Amino acid sequence: MFSLFLKGGPLMWPILIVSLTAITVTVERLIFMVREQKSRAPETVTSILEHAEHGRLDEAIKAGENSEDFVAKVLVYGLSHTERSLSNGLLLSANRELKRFSQGLAILDTIITLAPLLGLLGTVTGMIHAFGLLGAKGLEAPTVITGGISEALIATAFGLFVAIVALVPFNYLNARLEDARHEVEDAATYLETVVLKKGAN
């Protein structure tokens, strides 16, 4: 495999760097997702919402102030920072928490686009080199161009492989981000509704 890699030309090294970056980001993000899943506390979120529904906002804050659940953090921050409005506090906290979920996605997105382009560039430069050798040696050595094209296509194959492999965790992480967004939005909307309803009574 490594010998095949070396045959791909000088642009294989940028592809290798890109692939290592994709692996690093993917591993870090998966560890983050596991930690977030372990810190989930749906009963705490339910407790916060129940206290808020009965107008006990101080108790709602106390119920979730030590929680590591990202939804609970959003709700507690929103209830604790109502200087301007509950909506602004919830929105600010939600954006902050969701930003943690979206970290690394831009890098993976760039890699998915960049890796095949690097591979294609390696193929083009490899074929230019092969045709240059053919022009120098003429038709006396037809294996020069066929071998050169074969080696040039290796770069494209590796570039596509990196992009395909990176696409799987990218889509998974995007799905988890959307799940987190929906959970935060649902809880924040419910909290805002019950608080406003209590304030109107």
Protein backbone atom coordinates (compact mmCIF):
# COMPACT_ATOMS: atom_id res chain seq x y z
CA MET A 1 0.00 0.00 0.00
CA PHE A 2 2.81 2.40 0.91
CA SER A 3 4.72 1.54 -2.26
CA LEU A 4 1.58 2.29 -4.25
CA PHE A 5 1.29 5.57 -2.37
CA LEU A 6 4.85 6.55 -3.29
CA LYS A 7 4.12 5.94 -6.97
CA GLY A 8 1.42 8.61 -6.96
CA GLY A 9 3.82 11.53 -7.26
CA PRO A 10 4.68 14.54 -5.09
CA LEU A 11 1.06 15.59 -4.57
CA MET A 12 0.46 12.41 -2.58
CA TRP A 13 2.03 14.11 0.44
CA PRO A 14 -0.62 16.87 0.61
CA ILE A 15 -3.26 14.15 0.24
CA LEU A 16 -1.63 12.29 3.14
CA ILE A 17 -1.70 15.45 5.29
CA VAL A 18 -5.37 16.00 4.39
CA SER A 19 -6.24 12.41 5.28
CA LEU A 20 -4.44 12.62 8.64
CA THR A 21 -6.31 15.86 9.36
CA ALA A 22 -9.61 14.15 8.56
CA ILE A 23 -8.76 11.27 10.90
CA THR A 24 -7.75 13.64 13.70
CA VAL A 25 -10.92 15.74 13.40
CA THR A 26 -13.14 12.66 13.18
CA VAL A 27 -11.63 11.01 16.27
CA GLU A 28 -11.84 14.25 18.29
CA ARG A 29 -15.47 14.79 17.27
CA LEU A 30 -16.48 11.21 18.05
CA ILE A 31 -14.90 11.51 21.52
CA PHE A 32 -16.82 14.77 21.98
CA MET A 33 -20.08 13.07 20.98
CA VAL A 34 -19.50 10.20 23.41
CA ARG A 35 -18.83 12.65 26.25
CA GLU A 36 -21.93 14.67 25.42
CA GLN A 37 -24.04 11.53 25.34
CA LYS A 38 -22.75 10.47 28.75
CA SER A 39 -23.55 13.89 30.22
CA ARG A 40 -27.15 13.83 29.02
CA ALA A 41 -29.70 14.24 31.84
CA PRO A 42 -33.23 14.35 30.42
CA GLU A 43 -34.72 14.14 33.92
CA THR A 44 -32.96 17.40 34.80
CA VAL A 45 -34.40 19.11 31.73
CA THR A 46 -37.84 17.82 32.65
CA SER A 47 -37.40 19.11 36.21
CA ILE A 48 -36.39 22.57 34.96
CA LEU A 49 -39.42 22.78 32.70
CA GLU A 50 -41.79 21.56 35.43
CA HIS A 51 -40.53 24.16 37.91
CA ALA A 52 -40.82 26.88 35.25
CA GLU A 53 -44.32 25.74 34.38
CA HIS A 54 -45.39 26.31 37.99
CA GLY A 55 -43.66 29.67 38.17
CA ARG A 56 -40.80 28.48 40.37
CA LEU A 57 -37.99 30.02 38.31
CA ASP A 58 -35.44 30.02 41.14
CA GLU A 59 -36.03 26.32 41.70
CA ALA A 60 -35.76 25.73 37.95
CA ILE A 61 -32.34 27.39 37.91
CA LYS A 62 -31.17 25.40 40.95
CA ALA A 63 -32.38 22.16 39.39
CA GLY A 64 -30.07 22.53 36.41
CA GLU A 65 -27.23 24.82 37.47
CA ASN A 66 -24.79 21.94 38.05
CA SER A 67 -25.88 19.86 35.08
CA GLU A 68 -23.55 19.12 32.16
CA ASP A 69 -26.49 18.43 29.85
CA PHE A 70 -26.28 20.93 26.99
CA VAL A 71 -30.06 21.45 26.90
CA ALA A 72 -30.13 22.11 30.65
CA LYS A 73 -27.26 24.60 30.23
CA VAL A 74 -29.24 26.52 27.62
CA LEU A 75 -32.35 26.67 29.80
CA VAL A 76 -30.49 27.67 32.96
CA TYR A 77 -28.53 30.37 31.16
CA GLY A 78 -31.71 31.74 29.63
CA LEU A 79 -33.45 31.88 33.01
CA SER A 80 -30.39 33.38 34.72
CA HIS A 81 -29.75 36.12 32.15
CA THR A 82 -33.06 37.80 31.53
CA GLU A 83 -31.73 41.36 31.69
CA ARG A 84 -32.96 42.02 28.16
CA SER A 85 -35.35 39.15 27.54
CA LEU A 86 -35.68 35.42 28.03
CA SER A 87 -35.59 34.95 24.25
CA ASN A 88 -32.23 36.67 23.91
CA GLY A 89 -30.74 34.68 26.77
CA LEU A 90 -31.95 31.39 25.31
CA LEU A 91 -30.77 32.32 21.81
CA LEU A 92 -27.31 33.35 23.01
CA SER A 93 -26.84 30.19 25.04
CA ALA A 94 -28.24 27.95 22.29
CA ASN A 95 -25.82 29.39 19.74
CA ARG A 96 -22.93 28.89 22.13
CA GLU A 97 -23.80 25.25 22.80
CA LEU A 98 -24.53 24.40 19.16
CA LYS A 99 -21.23 25.97 18.14
CA ARG A 100 -19.50 23.25 20.15
CA PHE A 101 -21.34 20.62 18.09
CA SER A 102 -20.41 22.25 14.77
CA GLN A 103 -16.68 22.51 15.46
CA GLY A 104 -14.62 20.59 12.92
CA LEU A 105 -17.45 20.24 10.40
CA ALA A 106 -16.05 23.04 8.22
CA ILE A 107 -12.68 21.26 8.16
CA LEU A 108 -14.24 17.95 7.09
CA ASP A 109 -16.35 19.74 4.49
CA THR A 110 -13.21 21.34 3.06
CA ILE A 111 -11.37 18.02 3.02
CA ILE A 112 -14.22 16.30 1.17
CA THR A 113 -13.87 18.92 -1.58
CA LEU A 114 -10.10 19.35 -1.46
CA ALA A 115 -8.94 15.71 -1.49
CA PRO A 116 -10.37 14.79 -4.94
CA LEU A 117 -9.09 18.08 -6.38
CA LEU A 118 -5.59 17.33 -5.09
CA GLY A 119 -5.86 13.86 -6.60
CA LEU A 120 -7.01 15.28 -9.91
CA LEU A 121 -4.18 17.80 -9.90
CA GLY A 122 -1.73 14.97 -9.21
CA THR A 123 -3.14 13.05 -12.16
CA VAL A 124 -2.87 16.01 -14.51
CA THR A 125 0.70 16.81 -13.50
CA GLY A 126 1.60 13.11 -13.73
CA MET A 127 0.18 12.82 -17.24
CA ILE A 128 2.01 15.99 -18.31
CA HIS A 129 5.22 14.39 -17.05
CA ALA A 130 4.42 11.10 -18.83
CA PHE A 131 3.71 12.82 -22.16
CA GLY A 132 6.91 14.82 -21.71
CA LEU A 133 8.88 11.60 -21.40
CA LEU A 134 7.10 10.16 -24.42
CA GLY A 135 8.02 13.22 -26.44
CA ALA A 136 11.63 12.83 -25.42
CA LYS A 137 11.90 9.11 -26.14
CA GLY A 138 9.40 8.87 -28.97
CA LEU A 139 7.51 5.67 -29.66
CA GLU A 140 10.53 3.53 -28.81
CA ALA A 141 9.30 3.17 -25.22
CA PRO A 142 5.47 2.95 -25.21
CA THR A 143 5.51 1.63 -21.64
CA VAL A 144 6.71 5.05 -20.48
CA ILE A 145 3.35 6.71 -21.11
CA THR A 146 1.23 3.76 -19.91
CA GLY A 147 3.23 3.46 -16.71
CA GLY A 148 3.13 7.22 -16.22
CA ILE A 149 -0.64 7.39 -16.65
CA SER A 150 -1.09 4.45 -14.26
CA GLU A 151 0.96 6.19 -11.59
CA ALA A 152 -0.85 9.49 -12.22
CA LEU A 153 -4.26 7.88 -11.66
CA ILE A 154 -3.13 6.65 -8.25
CA ALA A 155 -3.35 10.23 -6.95
CA THR A 156 -6.98 10.52 -8.06
CA ALA A 157 -7.83 7.16 -6.50
CA PHE A 158 -6.32 8.16 -3.15
CA GLY A 159 -8.00 11.59 -3.27
CA LEU A 160 -11.40 10.04 -3.92
CA PHE A 161 -10.83 7.47 -1.19
CA VAL A 162 -10.05 10.17 1.39
CA ALA A 163 -13.15 12.17 0.38
CA ILE A 164 -15.44 9.12 0.52
CA VAL A 165 -14.14 8.06 3.94
CA ALA A 166 -14.44 11.62 5.31
CA LEU A 167 -18.00 11.93 3.99
CA VAL A 168 -19.36 9.27 6.36
CA PRO A 169 -18.36 10.96 9.66
CA PHE A 170 -19.24 14.36 8.18
CA ASN A 171 -22.83 13.27 7.53
CA TYR A 172 -23.04 11.55 10.92
CA LEU A 173 -21.79 14.64 12.77
CA ASN A 174 -24.17 16.86 10.79
CA ALA A 175 -27.05 14.60 11.81
CA ARG A 176 -26.03 14.84 15.47
CA LEU A 177 -25.82 18.63 15.16
CA GLU A 178 -29.35 18.78 13.76
CA ASP A 179 -30.62 16.49 16.54
CA ALA A 180 -29.04 18.77 19.14
CA ARG A 181 -30.52 21.84 17.43
CA HIS A 182 -34.02 20.35 17.49
CA GLU A 183 -33.72 19.36 21.16
CA VAL A 184 -32.54 22.82 22.16
CA GLU A 185 -35.20 24.57 20.08
CA ASP A 186 -38.01 22.38 21.44
CA ALA A 187 -36.98 22.85 25.08
CA ALA A 188 -36.33 26.59 24.68
CA THR A 189 -39.65 27.17 22.91
CA TYR A 190 -41.53 25.26 25.60
CA LEU A 191 -39.75 27.15 28.39
CA GLU A 192 -40.43 30.49 26.77
CA THR A 193 -44.09 29.58 26.27
CA VAL A 194 -44.71 28.52 29.88
CA VAL A 195 -42.80 31.51 31.34
CA LEU A 196 -44.73 33.98 29.19
CA LYS A 197 -47.98 32.24 30.04
CA LYS A 198 -47.21 32.50 33.75
CA GLY A 199 -46.28 36.15 33.37
CA ALA A 200 -49.57 36.89 31.66
CA ASN A 201 -51.60 35.26 34.46
